[in-house]
Amino acid sequence: MSQSNTESKWVLKEYIIPFLIMLAITGAGIAVFMFVIGLGNIIAPVNQVGEELTKPTLGRLVYVIVSLAATFLCAVCAAKCATKDKIFHAFYIGFTAGMLLWQSIGEGAWHFGYMVEDNYINFFRIESSGSLFLVISFAALTAYMMKSRVMNFGVLCTVLSFISNWYGHFVSEGTYPYVAEFFSVSTWYAVSGLTVGIILTAAAILLPIFKFKDTRGHLLCSMLLYIGISIMAFGFIE
């Protein structure tokens, strides 16, 4: 009975609650982001990039700059909190830092660019198909650092949070050009999101049972659960 109570406590404290808090942080971040980027006038040329039109508003530019600065402040804070008694602080602050970094780079910076001889020159759209090599390299390097534990836990949470947003977009948007001949956009987003989401969610459930037994491992599996469910949701929403 005592062992059952102990297991219930860690599942709730180190797995379910962190998952819910990450959802709350993401929801708040998206709400603020959507509000701020709509403020102010268009301050740069509007261009067609892939299937999207850029929206270079003053509010978006301000958010890009502020969120990038906040990323580094949060990452430093998360790194300093990466002690046994403050591991939850490091986890949540690191997660927030990674989300802000994605919003600054993945959702914001690419909107500001110019046409140069019919080519749109801007900060690279890292969720595009051209980032395949970067995605693989970044994921492999992060997996190595997680296994060897050479990275500060707070910084690791920042990196994983950023990668989760990056990979979540790449799974559907970045891979679509390779299968465009066989699937419509909406169908591929749903198929890829559901397939990858189920795999990651299953891994997030099984790893704490068979592999990770400490708080650090449980928190990382909670983030993996967040990634898996988010990818499934993104696939159907888009």
C-alpha atoms as a PDB file:
ATOM      1  CA  MET A   1       0.000   0.000   0.000  1.00  0.00           C
ATOM      2  CA  SER A   2       2.862   2.312   0.889  1.00  0.00           C
ATOM      3  CA  GLN A   3       4.565   1.653  -2.462  1.00  0.00           C
ATOM      4  CA  SER A   4       1.269   2.329  -4.257  1.00  0.00           C
ATOM      5  CA  ASN A   5       0.906   5.678  -2.486  1.00  0.00           C
ATOM      6  CA  THR A   6       4.489   6.600  -3.347  1.00  0.00           C
ATOM      7  CA  GLU A   7       3.942   5.794  -7.017  1.00  0.00           C
ATOM      8  CA  SER A   8       0.718   7.800  -7.070  1.00  0.00           C
ATOM      9  CA  LYS A   9       2.499  10.803  -5.588  1.00  0.00           C
ATOM     10  CA  TRP A  10       5.300  10.894  -8.161  1.00  0.00           C
ATOM     11  CA  VAL A  11       2.891  10.317 -11.054  1.00  0.00           C
ATOM     12  CA  LEU A  12       0.874  13.330  -9.925  1.00  0.00           C
ATOM     13  CA  LYS A  13       3.711  15.625  -8.782  1.00  0.00           C
ATOM     14  CA  GLU A  14       6.405  14.783 -11.323  1.00  0.00           C
ATOM     15  CA  TYR A  15       4.337  13.817 -14.357  1.00  0.00           C
ATOM     16  CA  ILE A  16       0.691  14.941 -14.532  1.00  0.00           C
ATOM     17  CA  ILE A  17       0.963  18.340 -12.836  1.00  0.00           C
ATOM     18  CA  PRO A  18       4.085  19.372 -14.843  1.00  0.00           C
ATOM     19  CA  PHE A  19       2.234  18.386 -18.027  1.00  0.00           C
ATOM     20  CA  LEU A  20      -0.729  20.577 -17.090  1.00  0.00           C
ATOM     21  CA  ILE A  21       1.519  23.482 -16.120  1.00  0.00           C
ATOM     22  CA  MET A  22       3.325  23.268 -19.473  1.00  0.00           C
ATOM     23  CA  LEU A  23      -0.043  23.457 -21.221  1.00  0.00           C
ATOM     24  CA  ALA A  24      -0.929  26.524 -19.131  1.00  0.00           C
ATOM     25  CA  ILE A  25       2.418  28.201 -19.901  1.00  0.00           C
ATOM     26  CA  THR A  26       1.965  27.504 -23.603  1.00  0.00           C
ATOM     27  CA  GLY A  27      -1.599  28.802 -23.598  1.00  0.00           C
ATOM     28  CA  ALA A  28      -0.572  32.009 -21.838  1.00  0.00           C
ATOM     29  CA  GLY A  29       2.407  32.435 -24.168  1.00  0.00           C
ATOM     30  CA  ILE A  30       0.273  32.005 -27.294  1.00  0.00           C
ATOM     31  CA  ALA A  31      -2.358  34.429 -25.985  1.00  0.00           C
ATOM     32  CA  VAL A  32       0.218  37.150 -25.306  1.00  0.00           C
ATOM     33  CA  PHE A  33       1.983  36.469 -28.603  1.00  0.00           C
ATOM     34  CA  MET A  34      -1.204  36.693 -30.675  1.00  0.00           C
ATOM     35  CA  PHE A  35      -2.213  39.918 -28.951  1.00  0.00           C
ATOM     36  CA  VAL A  36       1.146  41.692 -29.293  1.00  0.00           C
ATOM     37  CA  ILE A  37       1.906  40.755 -32.928  1.00  0.00           C
ATOM     38  CA  GLY A  38      -1.319  42.409 -34.023  1.00  0.00           C
ATOM     39  CA  LEU A  39      -0.320  45.771 -32.567  1.00  0.00           C
ATOM     40  CA  GLY A  40       1.085  48.578 -34.693  1.00  0.00           C
ATOM     41  CA  ASN A  41       1.347  49.076 -38.417  1.00  0.00           C
ATOM     42  CA  ILE A  42       3.100  46.982 -41.073  1.00  0.00           C
ATOM     43  CA  ILE A  43       6.697  48.242 -41.027  1.00  0.00           C
ATOM     44  CA  ALA A  44       8.274  46.139 -43.800  1.00  0.00           C
ATOM     45  CA  PRO A  45       7.220  44.771 -47.203  1.00  0.00           C
ATOM     46  CA  VAL A  46       4.662  41.953 -47.152  1.00  0.00           C
ATOM     47  CA  ASN A  47       5.860  38.915 -49.117  1.00  0.00           C
ATOM     48  CA  GLN A  48       4.606  35.476 -50.065  1.00  0.00           C
ATOM     49  CA  VAL A  49       6.759  32.811 -48.401  1.00  0.00           C
ATOM     50  CA  GLY A  50       5.666  29.315 -49.297  1.00  0.00           C
ATOM     51  CA  GLU A  51       1.933  29.309 -48.668  1.00  0.00           C
ATOM     52  CA  GLU A  52       2.060  32.121 -46.118  1.00  0.00           C
ATOM     53  CA  LEU A  53       2.074  35.889 -46.266  1.00  0.00           C
ATOM     54  CA  THR A  54       4.476  37.683 -43.955  1.00  0.00           C
ATOM     55  CA  LYS A  55       2.983  40.043 -41.368  1.00  0.00           C
ATOM     56  CA  PRO A  56       5.866  42.287 -40.277  1.00  0.00           C
ATOM     57  CA  THR A  57       4.045  44.470 -37.749  1.00  0.00           C
ATOM     58  CA  LEU A  58       5.727  46.716 -35.206  1.00  0.00           C
ATOM     59  CA  GLY A  59       4.243  44.572 -32.442  1.00  0.00           C
ATOM     60  CA  ARG A  60       5.823  41.433 -33.909  1.00  0.00           C
ATOM     61  CA  LEU A  61       9.233  43.097 -34.112  1.00  0.00           C
ATOM     62  CA  VAL A  62       9.001  44.249 -30.498  1.00  0.00           C
ATOM     63  CA  TYR A  63       7.963  40.754 -29.422  1.00  0.00           C
ATOM     64  CA  VAL A  64      10.857  39.170 -31.321  1.00  0.00           C
ATOM     65  CA  ILE A  65      13.371  41.396 -29.550  1.00  0.00           C
ATOM     66  CA  VAL A  66      11.821  41.198 -26.085  1.00  0.00           C
ATOM     67  CA  SER A  67      11.228  37.434 -26.164  1.00  0.00           C
ATOM     68  CA  LEU A  68      14.774  36.797 -27.379  1.00  0.00           C
ATOM     69  CA  ALA A  69      16.161  38.811 -24.472  1.00  0.00           C
ATOM     70  CA  ALA A  70      13.778  37.059 -22.069  1.00  0.00           C
ATOM     71  CA  THR A  71      14.965  33.695 -23.381  1.00  0.00           C
ATOM     72  CA  PHE A  72      18.523  34.306 -22.240  1.00  0.00           C
ATOM     73  CA  LEU A  73      17.431  35.685 -18.873  1.00  0.00           C
ATOM     74  CA  CYS A  74      15.196  32.671 -18.262  1.00  0.00           C
ATOM     75  CA  ALA A  75      17.872  30.234 -19.432  1.00  0.00           C
ATOM     76  CA  VAL A  76      20.405  31.738 -17.023  1.00  0.00           C
ATOM     77  CA  CYS A  77      17.863  31.591 -14.211  1.00  0.00           C
ATOM     78  CA  ALA A  78      16.985  27.981 -15.054  1.00  0.00           C
ATOM     79  CA  ALA A  79      20.658  27.038 -15.028  1.00  0.00           C
ATOM     80  CA  LYS A  80      21.129  28.560 -11.577  1.00  0.00           C
ATOM     81  CA  CYS A  81      18.064  26.695 -10.282  1.00  0.00           C
ATOM     82  CA  ALA A  82      19.307  23.325 -11.505  1.00  0.00           C
ATOM     83  CA  THR A  83      19.873  21.914  -8.016  1.00  0.00           C
ATOM     84  CA  LYS A  84      18.090  19.013  -6.372  1.00  0.00           C
ATOM     85  CA  ASP A  85      15.874  21.221  -4.209  1.00  0.00           C
ATOM     86  CA  LYS A  86      14.969  23.571  -7.090  1.00  0.00           C
ATOM     87  CA  ILE A  87      14.677  21.122  -9.953  1.00  0.00           C
ATOM     88  CA  PHE A  88      11.025  22.017 -10.601  1.00  0.00           C
ATOM     89  CA  HIS A  89      11.936  25.712 -10.876  1.00  0.00           C
ATOM     90  CA  ALA A  90      14.641  24.834 -13.404  1.00  0.00           C
ATOM     91  CA  PHE A  91      12.182  22.707 -15.374  1.00  0.00           C
ATOM     92  CA  TYR A  92       9.409  25.296 -15.665  1.00  0.00           C
ATOM     93  CA  ILE A  93      11.699  28.271 -16.276  1.00  0.00           C
ATOM     94  CA  GLY A  94      13.702  26.313 -18.844  1.00  0.00           C
ATOM     95  CA  PHE A  95      10.521  25.253 -20.601  1.00  0.00           C
ATOM     96  CA  THR A  96       9.374  28.879 -20.743  1.00  0.00           C
ATOM     97  CA  ALA A  97      12.745  29.964 -22.142  1.00  0.00           C
ATOM     98  CA  GLY A  98      12.541  27.416 -24.963  1.00  0.00           C
ATOM     99  CA  MET A  99       9.005  28.475 -25.834  1.00  0.00           C
ATOM    100  CA  LEU A 100      10.026  32.139 -25.984  1.00  0.00           C
ATOM    101  CA  LEU A 101      13.016  31.275 -28.174  1.00  0.00           C
ATOM    102  CA  TRP A 102      10.757  29.445 -30.610  1.00  0.00           C
ATOM    103  CA  GLN A 103       8.303  32.332 -30.740  1.00  0.00           C
ATOM    104  CA  SER A 104      11.137  34.752 -31.420  1.00  0.00           C
ATOM    105  CA  ILE A 105      12.856  32.681 -34.130  1.00  0.00           C
ATOM    106  CA  GLY A 106      10.300  30.207 -35.449  1.00  0.00           C
ATOM    107  CA  GLU A 107       7.210  32.418 -35.332  1.00  0.00           C
ATOM    108  CA  GLY A 108       8.579  35.937 -35.519  1.00  0.00           C
ATOM    109  CA  ALA A 109      11.903  36.706 -37.152  1.00  0.00           C
ATOM    110  CA  TRP A 110      11.201  35.192 -40.578  1.00  0.00           C
ATOM    111  CA  HIS A 111       8.464  37.778 -41.202  1.00  0.00           C
ATOM    112  CA  PHE A 112      11.094  40.483 -41.622  1.00  0.00           C
ATOM    113  CA  GLY A 113      12.911  40.189 -44.917  1.00  0.00           C
ATOM    114  CA  TYR A 114      13.221  41.641 -48.404  1.00  0.00           C
ATOM    115  CA  MET A 115      12.998  40.448 -51.985  1.00  0.00           C
ATOM    116  CA  VAL A 116      16.404  40.389 -53.676  1.00  0.00           C
ATOM    117  CA  GLU A 117      16.244  39.419 -57.359  1.00  0.00           C
ATOM    118  CA  ASP A 118      13.053  37.392 -56.851  1.00  0.00           C
ATOM    119  CA  ASN A 119      14.461  35.648 -53.758  1.00  0.00           C
ATOM    120  CA  TYR A 120      13.090  36.322 -50.292  1.00  0.00           C
ATOM    121  CA  ILE A 121      16.075  36.979 -48.027  1.00  0.00           C
ATOM    122  CA  ASN A 122      15.265  36.522 -44.352  1.00  0.00           C
ATOM    123  CA  PHE A 123      16.003  34.597 -41.201  1.00  0.00           C
ATOM    124  CA  PHE A 124      15.693  30.941 -42.149  1.00  0.00           C
ATOM    125  CA  ARG A 125      12.240  29.362 -41.695  1.00  0.00           C
ATOM    126  CA  ILE A 126      13.521  26.508 -39.578  1.00  0.00           C
ATOM    127  CA  GLU A 127      10.309  24.505 -39.800  1.00  0.00           C
ATOM    128  CA  SER A 128      10.701  24.215 -43.588  1.00  0.00           C
ATOM    129  CA  SER A 129      11.872  21.118 -45.452  1.00  0.00           C
ATOM    130  CA  GLY A 130      15.315  22.692 -45.859  1.00  0.00           C
ATOM    131  CA  SER A 131      16.009  22.231 -42.158  1.00  0.00           C
ATOM    132  CA  LEU A 132      15.988  18.408 -42.277  1.00  0.00           C
ATOM    133  CA  PHE A 133      19.730  18.135 -41.673  1.00  0.00           C
ATOM    134  CA  LEU A 134      19.548  20.644 -38.814  1.00  0.00           C
ATOM    135  CA  VAL A 135      16.679  18.785 -37.159  1.00  0.00           C
ATOM    136  CA  ILE A 136      18.522  15.452 -37.281  1.00  0.00           C
ATOM    137  CA  SER A 137      21.833  16.935 -36.097  1.00  0.00           C
ATOM    138  CA  PHE A 138      20.258  18.930 -33.292  1.00  0.00           C
ATOM    139  CA  ALA A 139      18.191  15.948 -32.085  1.00  0.00           C
ATOM    140  CA  ALA A 140      21.201  13.600 -32.137  1.00  0.00           C
ATOM    141  CA  LEU A 141      23.371  16.049 -30.227  1.00  0.00           C
ATOM    142  CA  THR A 142      20.654  16.624 -27.634  1.00  0.00           C
ATOM    143  CA  ALA A 143      20.072  12.878 -27.207  1.00  0.00           C
ATOM    144  CA  TYR A 144      23.799  12.423 -26.572  1.00  0.00           C
ATOM    145  CA  MET A 145      23.868  15.228 -24.012  1.00  0.00           C
ATOM    146  CA  MET A 146      20.825  13.793 -22.243  1.00  0.00           C
ATOM    147  CA  LYS A 147      22.379  10.345 -22.038  1.00  0.00           C
ATOM    148  CA  SER A 148      25.786  11.579 -20.882  1.00  0.00           C
ATOM    149  CA  ARG A 149      24.266  14.261 -18.590  1.00  0.00           C
ATOM    150  CA  VAL A 150      26.909  16.761 -19.616  1.00  0.00           C
ATOM    151  CA  MET A 151      24.382  19.598 -19.863  1.00  0.00           C
ATOM    152  CA  ASN A 152      22.961  21.607 -16.988  1.00  0.00           C
ATOM    153  CA  PHE A 153      19.362  20.443 -16.386  1.00  0.00           C
ATOM    154  CA  GLY A 154      17.876  23.942 -16.658  1.00  0.00           C
ATOM    155  CA  VAL A 155      19.639  24.563 -19.958  1.00  0.00           C
ATOM    156  CA  LEU A 156      18.633  21.093 -21.166  1.00  0.00           C
ATOM    157  CA  CYS A 157      14.977  21.923 -20.492  1.00  0.00           C
ATOM    158  CA  THR A 158      15.389  25.114 -22.517  1.00  0.00           C
ATOM    159  CA  VAL A 159      16.874  23.198 -25.446  1.00  0.00           C
ATOM    160  CA  LEU A 160      14.232  20.459 -25.312  1.00  0.00           C
ATOM    161  CA  SER A 161      11.404  22.982 -25.134  1.00  0.00           C
ATOM    162  CA  PHE A 162      12.750  24.754 -28.206  1.00  0.00           C
ATOM    163  CA  ILE A 163      13.255  21.480 -30.079  1.00  0.00           C
ATOM    164  CA  SER A 164       9.746  20.300 -29.200  1.00  0.00           C
ATOM    165  CA  ASN A 165       8.236  23.364 -30.884  1.00  0.00           C
ATOM    166  CA  TRP A 166      10.630  23.075 -33.813  1.00  0.00           C
ATOM    167  CA  TYR A 167      10.097  19.347 -34.298  1.00  0.00           C
ATOM    168  CA  GLY A 168       6.357  19.678 -33.808  1.00  0.00           C
ATOM    169  CA  HIS A 169       6.148  22.044 -36.775  1.00  0.00           C
ATOM    170  CA  PHE A 170       8.686  20.147 -38.866  1.00  0.00           C
ATOM    171  CA  VAL A 171       6.822  16.819 -38.550  1.00  0.00           C
ATOM    172  CA  SER A 172       3.974  18.223 -40.628  1.00  0.00           C
ATOM    173  CA  GLU A 173       5.147  21.374 -42.407  1.00  0.00           C
ATOM    174  CA  GLY A 174       8.744  20.420 -43.057  1.00  0.00           C
ATOM    175  CA  THR A 175       8.015  16.937 -44.337  1.00  0.00           C
ATOM    176  CA  TYR A 176       5.064  17.812 -46.555  1.00  0.00           C
ATOM    177  CA  PRO A 177       7.113  18.764 -49.663  1.00  0.00           C
ATOM    178  CA  TYR A 178       8.431  15.182 -49.726  1.00  0.00           C
ATOM    179  CA  VAL A 179       4.925  13.685 -49.875  1.00  0.00           C
ATOM    180  CA  ALA A 180       2.964  16.455 -51.625  1.00  0.00           C
ATOM    181  CA  GLU A 181       2.427  14.231 -54.645  1.00  0.00           C
ATOM    182  CA  PHE A 182       0.492  11.705 -52.562  1.00  0.00           C
ATOM    183  CA  PHE A 183      -1.339  13.703 -49.861  1.00  0.00           C
ATOM    184  CA  SER A 184      -3.259  16.937 -49.490  1.00  0.00           C
ATOM    185  CA  VAL A 185      -1.922  19.353 -46.873  1.00  0.00           C
ATOM    186  CA  SER A 186      -4.689  18.691 -44.346  1.00  0.00           C
ATOM    187  CA  THR A 187      -4.490  14.913 -44.790  1.00  0.00           C
ATOM    188  CA  TRP A 188      -0.722  14.792 -44.323  1.00  0.00           C
ATOM    189  CA  TYR A 189      -0.842  17.058 -41.274  1.00  0.00           C
ATOM    190  CA  ALA A 190      -3.405  14.738 -39.673  1.00  0.00           C
ATOM    191  CA  VAL A 191      -1.591  11.525 -40.644  1.00  0.00           C
ATOM    192  CA  SER A 192       1.885  12.684 -39.609  1.00  0.00           C
ATOM    193  CA  GLY A 193       0.645  14.361 -36.433  1.00  0.00           C
ATOM    194  CA  LEU A 194      -1.325  11.311 -35.326  1.00  0.00           C
ATOM    195  CA  THR A 195       1.443   8.815 -36.162  1.00  0.00           C
ATOM    196  CA  VAL A 196       4.323  10.686 -34.523  1.00  0.00           C
ATOM    197  CA  GLY A 197       2.143  11.877 -31.657  1.00  0.00           C
ATOM    198  CA  ILE A 198       1.066   8.343 -30.743  1.00  0.00           C
ATOM    199  CA  ILE A 199       4.666   7.077 -30.847  1.00  0.00           C
ATOM    200  CA  LEU A 200       5.947   9.866 -28.596  1.00  0.00           C
ATOM    201  CA  THR A 201       3.012   9.612 -26.213  1.00  0.00           C
ATOM    202  CA  ALA A 202       3.530   5.855 -25.879  1.00  0.00           C
ATOM    203  CA  ALA A 203       7.219   6.433 -25.189  1.00  0.00           C
ATOM    204  CA  ALA A 204       6.347   9.056 -22.566  1.00  0.00           C
ATOM    205  CA  ILE A 205       4.122   6.536 -20.770  1.00  0.00           C
ATOM    206  CA  LEU A 206       6.461   3.538 -20.996  1.00  0.00           C
ATOM    207  CA  LEU A 207       9.808   5.178 -20.212  1.00  0.00           C
ATOM    208  CA  PRO A 208       8.966   6.107 -16.592  1.00  0.00           C
ATOM    209  CA  ILE A 209       7.876   2.509 -16.004  1.00  0.00           C
ATOM    210  CA  PHE A 210      10.888   0.744 -17.460  1.00  0.00           C
ATOM    211  CA  LYS A 211      13.711   3.288 -17.637  1.00  0.00           C
ATOM    212  CA  PHE A 212      13.532   6.557 -15.719  1.00  0.00           C
ATOM    213  CA  LYS A 213      13.014   6.277 -11.970  1.00  0.00           C
ATOM    214  CA  ASP A 214      14.141   9.674 -10.681  1.00  0.00           C
ATOM    215  CA  THR A 215      12.525  13.114 -10.624  1.00  0.00           C
ATOM    216  CA  ARG A 216      14.651  14.394 -13.498  1.00  0.00           C
ATOM    217  CA  GLY A 217      13.602  11.489 -15.716  1.00  0.00           C
ATOM    218  CA  HIS A 218       9.945  11.830 -14.774  1.00  0.00           C
ATOM    219  CA  LEU A 219       9.939  15.538 -15.664  1.00  0.00           C
ATOM    220  CA  LEU A 220      11.569  14.886 -19.031  1.00  0.00           C
ATOM    221  CA  CYS A 221       8.993  12.179 -19.763  1.00  0.00           C
ATOM    222  CA  SER A 222       6.274  14.659 -18.846  1.00  0.00           C
ATOM    223  CA  MET A 223       7.705  17.021 -21.456  1.00  0.00           C
ATOM    224  CA  LEU A 224       7.773  14.155 -23.959  1.00  0.00           C
ATOM    225  CA  LEU A 225       4.082  13.559 -23.220  1.00  0.00           C
ATOM    226  CA  TYR A 226       3.463  17.259 -23.840  1.00  0.00           C
ATOM    227  CA  ILE A 227       5.306  17.040 -27.174  1.00  0.00           C
ATOM    228  CA  GLY A 228       3.404  13.953 -28.313  1.00  0.00           C
ATOM    229  CA  ILE A 229      -0.050  15.299 -27.495  1.00  0.00           C
ATOM    230  CA  SER A 230       0.810  18.742 -28.891  1.00  0.00           C
ATOM    231  CA  ILE A 231       1.935  17.241 -32.213  1.00  0.00           C
ATOM    232  CA  MET A 232      -1.323  15.291 -32.470  1.00  0.00           C
ATOM    233  CA  ALA A 233      -3.344  18.429 -31.709  1.00  0.00           C
ATOM    234  CA  PHE A 234      -1.319  20.542 -34.167  1.00  0.00           C
ATOM    235  CA  GLY A 235      -1.847  17.990 -36.924  1.00  0.00           C
ATOM    236  CA  PHE A 236      -5.624  18.217 -36.654  1.00  0.00           C
ATOM    237  CA  ILE A 237      -5.918  21.938 -35.866  1.00  0.00           C
ATOM    238  CA  GLU A 238      -3.824  22.950 -38.873  1.00  0.00           C
END
